[in-house]
Amino acid sequence: MWKQKPATKSFNVLPLTYSMGWSAAITDYINFIRIEKSLSDNSVAAYKRDVNKLMEYGESIGVEPESMTTQNIRDFQRQCS
C-alpha cells in the first residue's frame, strides 16, 4: 500500500521594498551600541562620526543603507585612507 505524501504549502515571498533610510538606520545603530553594547559616550560619539561619514558616502553614490554592498564598504574605506 502506497502512502500519500502530505501536501506541501508554498509561500510567495515578496521582495523587501521598505527602506528605513540613513537617519533611521543610524539612530537604530547608535541606540543599539549605547544600550545593548553599553559603550561609553566617547565610543558612541566616535562610532556616530564614522557612520555619518558612511552616510555621506552612501548618499553621494545613491545607495540606501539596506543596499550597501561589500564593495561599497571597501570603496568607502579606500576613500577614507
C-alpha atoms as a PDB file:
ATOM      1  CA  MET A   1       0.000   0.000   0.000  1.00  0.00           C
ATOM      2  CA  TRP A   2       1.342   3.404  -1.027  1.00  0.00           C
ATOM      3  CA  LYS A   3       1.390   6.268   1.431  1.00  0.00           C
ATOM      4  CA  GLN A   4       0.166   9.542   0.098  1.00  0.00           C
ATOM      5  CA  LYS A   5       2.642  12.371   0.511  1.00  0.00           C
ATOM      6  CA  PRO A   6       1.307  15.239   2.577  1.00  0.00           C
ATOM      7  CA  ALA A   7       0.513  18.349   0.608  1.00  0.00           C
ATOM      8  CA  THR A   8       3.241  20.927   0.815  1.00  0.00           C
ATOM      9  CA  LYS A   9       2.415  24.543   1.205  1.00  0.00           C
ATOM     10  CA  SER A  10       4.202  27.062  -0.908  1.00  0.00           C
ATOM     11  CA  PHE A  11       4.553  30.640   0.145  1.00  0.00           C
ATOM     12  CA  ASN A  12       5.161  33.522  -2.165  1.00  0.00           C
ATOM     13  CA  VAL A  13       7.956  35.642  -0.836  1.00  0.00           C
ATOM     14  CA  LEU A  14       7.697  39.256  -1.776  1.00  0.00           C
ATOM     15  CA  PRO A  15      10.860  41.298  -2.128  1.00  0.00           C
ATOM     16  CA  LEU A  16      11.562  43.668   0.702  1.00  0.00           C
ATOM     17  CA  THR A  17      10.991  47.141  -0.658  1.00  0.00           C
ATOM     18  CA  TYR A  18      10.838  49.101   2.580  1.00  0.00           C
ATOM     19  CA  SER A  19      13.794  51.373   3.151  1.00  0.00           C
ATOM     20  CA  MET A  20      14.337  52.841   6.572  1.00  0.00           C
ATOM     21  CA  GLY A  21      16.759  55.453   5.243  1.00  0.00           C
ATOM     22  CA  TRP A  22      20.074  56.601   6.581  1.00  0.00           C
ATOM     23  CA  SER A  23      18.849  58.705   9.521  1.00  0.00           C
ATOM     24  CA  ALA A  24      16.672  55.943  10.973  1.00  0.00           C
ATOM     25  CA  ALA A  25      19.375  53.321  10.407  1.00  0.00           C
ATOM     26  CA  ILE A  26      21.969  55.440  12.188  1.00  0.00           C
ATOM     27  CA  THR A  27      19.605  56.208  15.065  1.00  0.00           C
ATOM     28  CA  ASP A  28      18.855  52.493  15.487  1.00  0.00           C
ATOM     29  CA  TYR A  29      22.558  51.619  15.359  1.00  0.00           C
ATOM     30  CA  ILE A  30      23.541  54.292  17.893  1.00  0.00           C
ATOM     31  CA  ASN A  31      20.782  53.161  20.244  1.00  0.00           C
ATOM     32  CA  PHE A  32      21.967  49.568  19.842  1.00  0.00           C
ATOM     33  CA  ILE A  33      25.607  50.290  20.693  1.00  0.00           C
ATOM     34  CA  ARG A  34      24.643  52.585  23.550  1.00  0.00           C
ATOM     35  CA  ILE A  35      22.057  50.298  25.166  1.00  0.00           C
ATOM     36  CA  GLU A  36      22.876  46.726  24.117  1.00  0.00           C
ATOM     37  CA  LYS A  37      26.658  47.054  23.980  1.00  0.00           C
ATOM     38  CA  SER A  38      26.917  49.571  26.845  1.00  0.00           C
ATOM     39  CA  LEU A  39      29.617  51.572  25.097  1.00  0.00           C
ATOM     40  CA  SER A  40      30.933  54.737  26.674  1.00  0.00           C
ATOM     41  CA  ASP A  41      29.791  58.149  25.494  1.00  0.00           C
ATOM     42  CA  ASN A  42      33.169  58.731  23.821  1.00  0.00           C
ATOM     43  CA  SER A  43      32.946  55.430  21.912  1.00  0.00           C
ATOM     44  CA  VAL A  44      29.383  56.165  20.841  1.00  0.00           C
ATOM     45  CA  ALA A  45      30.436  59.618  19.596  1.00  0.00           C
ATOM     46  CA  ALA A  46      33.320  58.088  17.601  1.00  0.00           C
ATOM     47  CA  TYR A  47      31.056  55.460  16.010  1.00  0.00           C
ATOM     48  CA  LYS A  48      28.486  58.141  15.215  1.00  0.00           C
ATOM     49  CA  ARG A  49      31.120  60.238  13.407  1.00  0.00           C
ATOM     50  CA  ASP A  50      32.159  57.205  11.375  1.00  0.00           C
ATOM     51  CA  VAL A  51      28.645  56.144  10.374  1.00  0.00           C
ATOM     52  CA  ASN A  52      27.800  59.737   9.459  1.00  0.00           C
ATOM     53  CA  LYS A  53      30.756  59.674   7.068  1.00  0.00           C
ATOM     54  CA  LEU A  54      29.440  56.388   5.676  1.00  0.00           C
ATOM     55  CA  MET A  55      26.013  58.001   5.253  1.00  0.00           C
ATOM     56  CA  GLU A  56      27.535  60.901   3.303  1.00  0.00           C
ATOM     57  CA  TYR A  57      29.360  58.433   1.074  1.00  0.00           C
ATOM     58  CA  GLY A  58      26.246  56.294   0.591  1.00  0.00           C
ATOM     59  CA  GLU A  59      24.157  59.316  -0.322  1.00  0.00           C
ATOM     60  CA  SER A  60      26.835  60.524  -2.748  1.00  0.00           C
ATOM     61  CA  ILE A  61      26.649  57.234  -4.675  1.00  0.00           C
ATOM     62  CA  GLY A  62      22.875  56.951  -4.312  1.00  0.00           C
ATOM     63  CA  VAL A  63      22.808  53.835  -2.111  1.00  0.00           C
ATOM     64  CA  GLU A  64      20.461  53.271   0.834  1.00  0.00           C
ATOM     65  CA  PRO A  65      21.844  51.511   3.928  1.00  0.00           C
ATOM     66  CA  GLU A  66      19.953  48.292   3.165  1.00  0.00           C
ATOM     67  CA  SER A  67      21.572  48.164  -0.281  1.00  0.00           C
ATOM     68  CA  MET A  68      25.209  48.705   0.744  1.00  0.00           C
ATOM     69  CA  THR A  69      27.454  46.002  -0.644  1.00  0.00           C
ATOM     70  CA  THR A  70      30.821  44.750   0.481  1.00  0.00           C
ATOM     71  CA  GLN A  71      32.339  46.557  -2.485  1.00  0.00           C
ATOM     72  CA  ASN A  72      30.651  49.816  -1.425  1.00  0.00           C
ATOM     73  CA  ILE A  73      32.228  49.456   2.018  1.00  0.00           C
ATOM     74  CA  ARG A  74      35.653  48.712   0.528  1.00  0.00           C
ATOM     75  CA  ASP A  75      35.392  51.774  -1.721  1.00  0.00           C
ATOM     76  CA  PHE A  76      34.384  53.862   1.294  1.00  0.00           C
ATOM     77  CA  GLN A  77      37.388  52.574   3.274  1.00  0.00           C
ATOM     78  CA  ARG A  78      39.732  53.448   0.399  1.00  0.00           C
ATOM     79  CA  GLN A  79      38.250  56.923   0.239  1.00  0.00           C
ATOM     80  CA  CYS A  80      38.866  57.405   3.990  1.00  0.00           C
ATOM     81  CA  SER A  81      42.518  56.350   3.784  1.00  0.00           C
END
